[in-house]
Protein backbone atom coordinates (compact mmCIF):
# COMPACT_ATOMS: atom_id res chain seq x y z
CA MET A 1 -4.92 14.10 3.17
CA LYS A 2 -7.40 13.34 -0.04
CA GLN A 3 -10.82 13.55 1.35
CA ILE A 4 -13.27 10.48 0.21
CA THR A 5 -16.75 10.72 -0.51
CA THR A 6 -18.96 7.69 -0.64
CA GLU A 7 -22.84 7.38 -1.25
CA ARG A 8 -23.35 8.32 2.55
CA LEU A 9 -20.17 9.07 4.10
CA ILE A 10 -17.01 11.53 4.00
CA LEU A 11 -13.74 10.32 5.06
CA ARG A 12 -11.58 13.61 5.81
CA ASP A 13 -8.78 15.15 7.55
CA LEU A 14 -9.33 14.79 11.42
CA LYS A 15 -9.34 18.33 13.16
CA LEU A 16 -9.43 19.36 17.16
CA SER A 17 -12.65 20.30 16.91
CA ASP A 18 -13.51 16.85 16.65
CA LEU A 19 -12.21 16.36 20.04
CA ASP A 20 -15.78 16.04 21.78
CA HIS A 21 -17.11 13.55 19.56
CA PHE A 22 -14.19 11.36 19.53
CA TYR A 23 -13.93 11.27 23.16
CA HIS A 24 -17.70 10.50 23.55
CA TYR A 25 -17.25 6.71 21.88
CA ALA A 26 -13.68 6.38 22.67
CA LYS A 27 -14.51 6.35 26.32
CA LYS A 28 -16.93 3.50 25.90
CA ASP A 29 -16.16 0.02 27.20
CA ASN A 30 -17.48 -1.62 23.92
CA ILE A 31 -15.59 0.22 21.32
CA GLY A 32 -11.85 0.35 22.19
CA PRO A 33 -11.36 -2.83 23.41
CA MET A 34 -12.72 -4.46 20.29
CA ALA A 35 -9.96 -2.79 18.36
CA GLY A 36 -7.08 -3.58 20.69
CA TRP A 37 -6.95 -0.23 22.59
CA HIS A 38 -8.36 0.78 26.25
CA PRO A 39 -11.32 2.86 26.84
CA HIS A 40 -9.92 6.49 26.72
CA ARG A 41 -9.79 7.51 30.72
CA SER A 42 -10.17 11.02 30.05
CA ILE A 43 -10.90 14.17 27.41
CA GLU A 44 -7.03 14.70 27.92
CA GLU A 45 -5.88 11.30 26.77
CA SER A 46 -8.34 11.72 24.05
CA GLU A 47 -7.13 14.88 22.83
CA MET A 48 -3.57 13.56 22.87
CA ILE A 49 -4.05 10.40 21.01
CA LEU A 50 -6.00 12.61 18.37
CA LYS A 51 -3.40 15.67 18.06
CA MET A 52 -0.66 12.11 17.18
CA MET A 53 -3.44 10.69 14.51
CA ILE A 54 -3.78 14.45 12.97
CA ASN A 55 0.24 14.71 12.84
CA ASP A 56 0.70 11.07 11.41
CA GLN A 57 -1.71 11.63 8.56
CA ASP A 58 -2.69 7.98 8.23
CA VAL A 59 -6.18 8.26 9.91
CA TRP A 60 -9.02 9.55 8.03
CA GLY A 61 -12.09 10.92 10.31
CA ILE A 62 -15.25 9.10 9.30
CA THR A 63 -18.49 11.76 8.91
CA LEU A 64 -21.86 11.14 7.32
CA ARG A 65 -22.36 13.75 3.96
CA ASP A 66 -24.77 15.55 5.56
CA ASN A 67 -23.47 15.98 9.08
CA ASP A 68 -19.69 16.76 10.08
CA ASP A 69 -19.77 15.26 13.60
CA LEU A 70 -17.33 12.61 13.68
CA ILE A 71 -18.42 9.01 14.00
CA GLY A 72 -15.29 6.96 13.75
CA THR A 73 -11.91 7.03 12.02
CA ILE A 74 -10.14 4.63 9.61
CA GLY A 75 -6.43 4.32 9.09
CA LEU A 76 -4.16 3.19 6.51
CA HIS A 77 -0.72 2.15 8.50
CA VAL A 78 2.42 0.65 7.38
CA ARG A 79 2.75 -0.92 10.95
CA THR A 80 5.75 -3.15 10.01
CA PHE A 81 9.07 -3.46 8.08
CA ASP A 82 7.19 -6.26 6.37
CA ASN A 83 4.59 -4.40 5.10
CA ALA A 84 6.95 -1.63 3.93
CA LEU A 85 9.15 -4.06 1.93
CA LYS A 86 5.70 -5.40 0.23
CA ASN A 87 4.13 -2.15 -0.29
CA GLN A 88 1.23 -2.77 1.27
CA LYS A 89 -0.85 -1.24 4.29
CA GLU A 90 -2.76 -2.13 7.15
CA ILE A 91 -6.26 -0.83 7.32
CA GLY A 92 -7.75 -0.25 11.02
CA TYR A 93 -11.30 1.13 11.81
CA VAL A 94 -13.76 2.03 14.68
CA ILE A 95 -17.26 3.46 14.64
CA ASP A 96 -19.80 4.33 17.19
CA GLU A 97 -22.13 1.91 18.52
CA PRO A 98 -25.35 4.07 17.32
CA TYR A 99 -23.53 3.09 13.84
CA TRP A 100 -23.09 -0.49 13.88
CA GLY A 101 -25.11 -3.11 11.60
CA LYS A 102 -25.95 0.06 8.73
CA GLY A 103 -23.00 -0.98 6.43
CA TYR A 104 -21.32 2.21 6.91
CA MET A 105 -18.09 0.24 7.86
CA VAL A 106 -18.34 -1.72 4.84
CA GLU A 107 -18.58 1.17 2.84
CA ALA A 108 -15.82 2.87 4.20
CA VAL A 109 -13.53 0.24 3.99
CA SER A 110 -14.44 -0.62 0.32
CA ALA A 111 -13.71 3.08 -0.54
CA LEU A 112 -10.28 3.07 0.96
CA ILE A 113 -9.22 -0.08 -0.43
CA GLN A 114 -10.02 1.45 -3.85
CA TYR A 115 -7.78 4.74 -2.97
CA ALA A 116 -5.07 2.16 -1.93
CA PHE A 117 -4.99 0.59 -5.08
CA ARG A 118 -5.47 3.69 -7.13
CA VAL A 119 -4.18 6.66 -5.62
CA GLU A 120 -1.52 5.40 -3.32
CA GLY A 121 -0.50 2.50 -5.96
CA LEU A 122 -0.10 -0.25 -3.30
CA ASP A 123 0.40 -4.16 -4.16
CA ALA A 124 -1.85 -4.92 -1.22
CA VAL A 125 -4.06 -4.39 1.62
CA VAL A 126 -4.46 -6.42 5.06
CA CYS A 127 -6.74 -6.38 7.83
CA GLY A 128 -6.92 -8.30 10.57
CA HIS A 129 -9.48 -8.96 13.78
CA SER A 130 -9.39 -10.78 17.12
CA LEU A 131 -11.67 -13.62 17.90
CA LYS A 132 -14.34 -11.87 20.01
CA ASN A 133 -14.45 -9.02 17.26
CA MET A 134 -17.18 -10.68 14.70
CA GLN A 135 -18.57 -7.56 13.79
CA SER A 136 -14.99 -6.70 12.07
CA LYS A 137 -14.93 -10.37 10.58
CA ARG A 138 -18.07 -9.49 8.86
CA VAL A 139 -16.50 -6.19 7.75
CA ILE A 140 -13.58 -7.85 6.69
CA GLU A 141 -15.50 -10.82 4.66
CA LYS A 142 -17.74 -8.27 2.87
CA THR A 143 -15.27 -6.18 1.28
CA LYS A 144 -13.71 -9.23 -0.27
CA PHE A 145 -10.17 -10.08 2.11
CA GLN A 146 -9.25 -13.28 2.10
CA PHE A 147 -7.62 -14.88 4.98
CA SER A 148 -4.17 -15.33 5.27
CA HIS A 149 -2.94 -16.20 8.66
CA THR A 150 -2.98 -15.89 12.30
CA GLU A 151 -0.44 -13.79 14.32
CA MET A 152 -0.05 -13.21 17.94
CA ARG A 153 0.13 -9.65 18.97
CA GLU A 154 -0.50 -7.69 22.40
CA ASP A 155 -3.65 -6.02 23.56
CA PHE A 156 -3.96 -2.94 25.53
CA ASN A 157 -2.99 -4.72 28.66
CA LYS A 158 0.01 -6.27 26.98
CA ASN A 159 -1.80 -9.99 26.91
CA PRO A 160 -0.99 -11.64 24.15
CA ILE A 161 -3.76 -11.85 21.41
CA GLU A 162 -4.35 -13.78 18.47
CA ILE A 163 -5.16 -11.92 15.59
CA TYR A 164 -6.94 -13.20 12.21
CA MET A 165 -5.13 -11.59 9.13
CA TYR A 166 -6.78 -11.24 5.91
CA LYS A 167 -5.41 -9.81 2.81
CA ILE A 168 -6.37 -8.32 -0.84
CA SER A 169 -3.78 -7.76 -3.82
CA LYS A 170 -4.37 -5.30 -6.19
CA TRP A 171 -4.79 -7.94 -8.82
CA ASP A 172 -7.52 -9.52 -6.77
CA TYR A 173 -9.39 -6.16 -6.62
CA LEU A 174 -8.80 -4.15 -9.88
CA GLY A 175 -8.56 -7.50 -12.23
CA GLY A 176 -5.31 -9.08 -13.27
CA PRO A 177 -4.23 -11.11 -16.03
CA ASN A 178 -6.14 -14.48 -16.41
CA MET A 179 -3.33 -16.87 -15.06
CA SER A 180 -5.01 -19.90 -16.48
CA GLN A 181 -4.38 -18.46 -20.34
CA LEU A 182 -0.64 -18.00 -19.51
CA LYS A 183 1.44 -20.46 -21.23
CA PRO A 184 3.83 -22.79 -18.85
CA LYS A 185 6.75 -21.87 -20.88
CA TYR A 186 8.23 -18.29 -22.33
CA ASP A 187 8.53 -18.75 -25.70
CA PHE A 188 11.03 -15.56 -26.92
CA LYS A 189 10.62 -16.16 -30.61
CA GLU A 190 6.87 -15.22 -30.27
CA VAL A 191 7.61 -12.65 -27.92
CA GLU A 192 11.41 -10.87 -29.24
CA GLU A 193 10.84 -12.03 -33.15
CA ASN A 194 11.89 -8.95 -34.84
CA ARG A 195 13.04 -6.85 -32.04
CA TYR A 196 16.77 -7.10 -33.36
CA ASP A 197 15.83 -5.90 -36.65
CA LEU A 198 13.72 -2.94 -35.25
CA TRP A 199 16.89 -1.88 -33.00
CA LEU A 200 18.48 -2.03 -35.74
CA GLU A 201 16.62 0.19 -37.66
CA LYS A 202 16.16 3.01 -34.99
CA GLY A 203 19.96 3.12 -34.40
CA TYR A 204 19.68 1.80 -31.01
CA PHE A 205 22.90 0.16 -31.21
CA MET A 206 24.47 3.37 -32.08
CA SER A 207 25.48 6.53 -29.78
CA GLY A 208 26.33 9.84 -31.02
CA ASP A 209 29.65 11.31 -32.93
CA GLN A 210 30.81 7.98 -34.43
CA LYS A 211 33.97 9.83 -35.14
CA LYS A 212 35.04 9.92 -31.65
CA PRO A 213 36.98 6.58 -30.36
CA PRO A 214 33.84 4.00 -29.20
CA TYR A 215 33.22 3.05 -25.69
CA THR A 216 30.39 0.51 -24.90
CA ILE A 217 28.84 -1.34 -21.70
CA VAL A 218 25.90 -3.46 -22.15
CA ILE A 219 23.74 -3.60 -19.58
CA PRO A 220 22.74 -7.43 -18.51
CA PRO A 221 19.48 -8.56 -18.85
CA PRO A 222 17.45 -8.60 -15.53
CA ASN A 223 17.54 -11.70 -13.23
CA VAL A 224 15.77 -15.08 -14.13
CA THR A 225 13.94 -14.37 -10.61
CA GLY A 226 12.80 -10.75 -11.48
CA LYS A 227 14.21 -9.94 -7.87
CA LEU A 228 16.47 -6.92 -7.43
CA HIS A 229 18.84 -6.40 -4.47
CA LEU A 230 21.73 -4.42 -3.45
CA GLY A 231 24.31 -5.70 -5.62
CA HIS A 232 22.35 -4.88 -8.58
CA ALA A 233 22.06 -1.29 -7.61
CA TRP A 234 25.62 -0.87 -7.04
CA ASP A 235 26.74 -2.78 -10.05
CA ASN A 236 24.38 -0.27 -12.25
CA THR A 237 26.03 2.58 -10.03
CA LEU A 238 29.56 1.79 -11.05
CA GLN A 239 28.31 1.11 -14.93
CA ASP A 240 26.92 4.64 -15.27
CA MET A 241 29.82 6.12 -13.23
CA ILE A 242 31.82 4.69 -15.88
CA ILE A 243 30.09 5.57 -18.89
CA ARG A 244 29.47 9.15 -17.84
CA ARG A 245 33.37 9.67 -17.36
CA LYS A 246 33.98 8.01 -20.73
CA ARG A 247 31.80 10.46 -22.15
CA MET A 248 33.47 13.31 -20.44
CA GLN A 249 36.86 11.87 -21.86
CA GLY A 250 35.57 12.42 -25.25
CA PHE A 251 34.43 8.73 -26.19
CA ASP A 252 31.31 7.98 -28.40
CA ALA A 253 30.00 6.30 -25.35
CA LEU A 254 27.08 4.28 -25.68
CA TYR A 255 25.04 2.54 -22.47
CA LEU A 256 23.34 -0.47 -23.94
CA PRO A 257 20.77 -2.55 -22.41
CA GLY A 258 21.05 -6.04 -22.92
CA MET A 259 18.94 -8.17 -25.09
C-alpha cells in the first residue's frame, strides 16, 4: 500500500508490531461501537483482526509524523457489488480517544479522498455514520461529502441500525465542467466539421495493400445513452474475430470506426 503523508500524520501499512497499540484502543467501550463493531474482548481477537486487515490491504494505520505508534486506522473498502459497478469505495475510520477534537481525522480523510481520486482513479467515495456518532458526522461534513440517502445495516449485535450515507464525486472534488455552460443540444456540425476531410487526408478509410481484395467492417457509433453492456462486448468480439480471419485469408481488411 502507498504511504500517505500529511502535515501532521502518516498513513502507512499496518504491521504485527502495532498489536499492543491496536488492542489498547480497540478494547474501549467508546471506540468500536461508534464505528459499528464490538469492543475487542482479548488481545488474541485484536491480533486476528489485525492480521485480517494486513492481508486485505485496504486499511492504513494512522500515526503521528514524529511517532510511529498506532493511534487509529482508516480504510478504503469496496464493501458492495453496487460500489464495484460504480467504481466507488467507502471510507471507514477510527481513532483513539486522546486524539479526538484535534482535526486529525479530517486531515486523514481529506488525504485519503485525494488518494482515491488521483491514484486509484475512483469516480466517487462514500461514507456513513450512525445517528449516535456525531463526531463522525462532523468529520464527513468538514471533508465536503454531501448527504445522499439512509440505509439499514446491522450493528455488532445483529440489531438493525440506520446509517446516514454521504458521497463525494471526483468531479465535485477535483473540479469538472461547468454544467451551466453546456449547450442544451449537441451541435454535430460544430464538433464534427472537417472531421471527414481530415480522415480522407490521413487515409483513415484505407487499409494496407490495396492490391488485395478489400474487406471492411464498420464499427457502429456508440450508444446514444453512452452505456455499454455484454451485448456490445460480444458484437465487437465477433467483428474482431472476423476481420482478423479475413486478414489471415489474404484480404485487405479494414476495421473502421463508425462516424
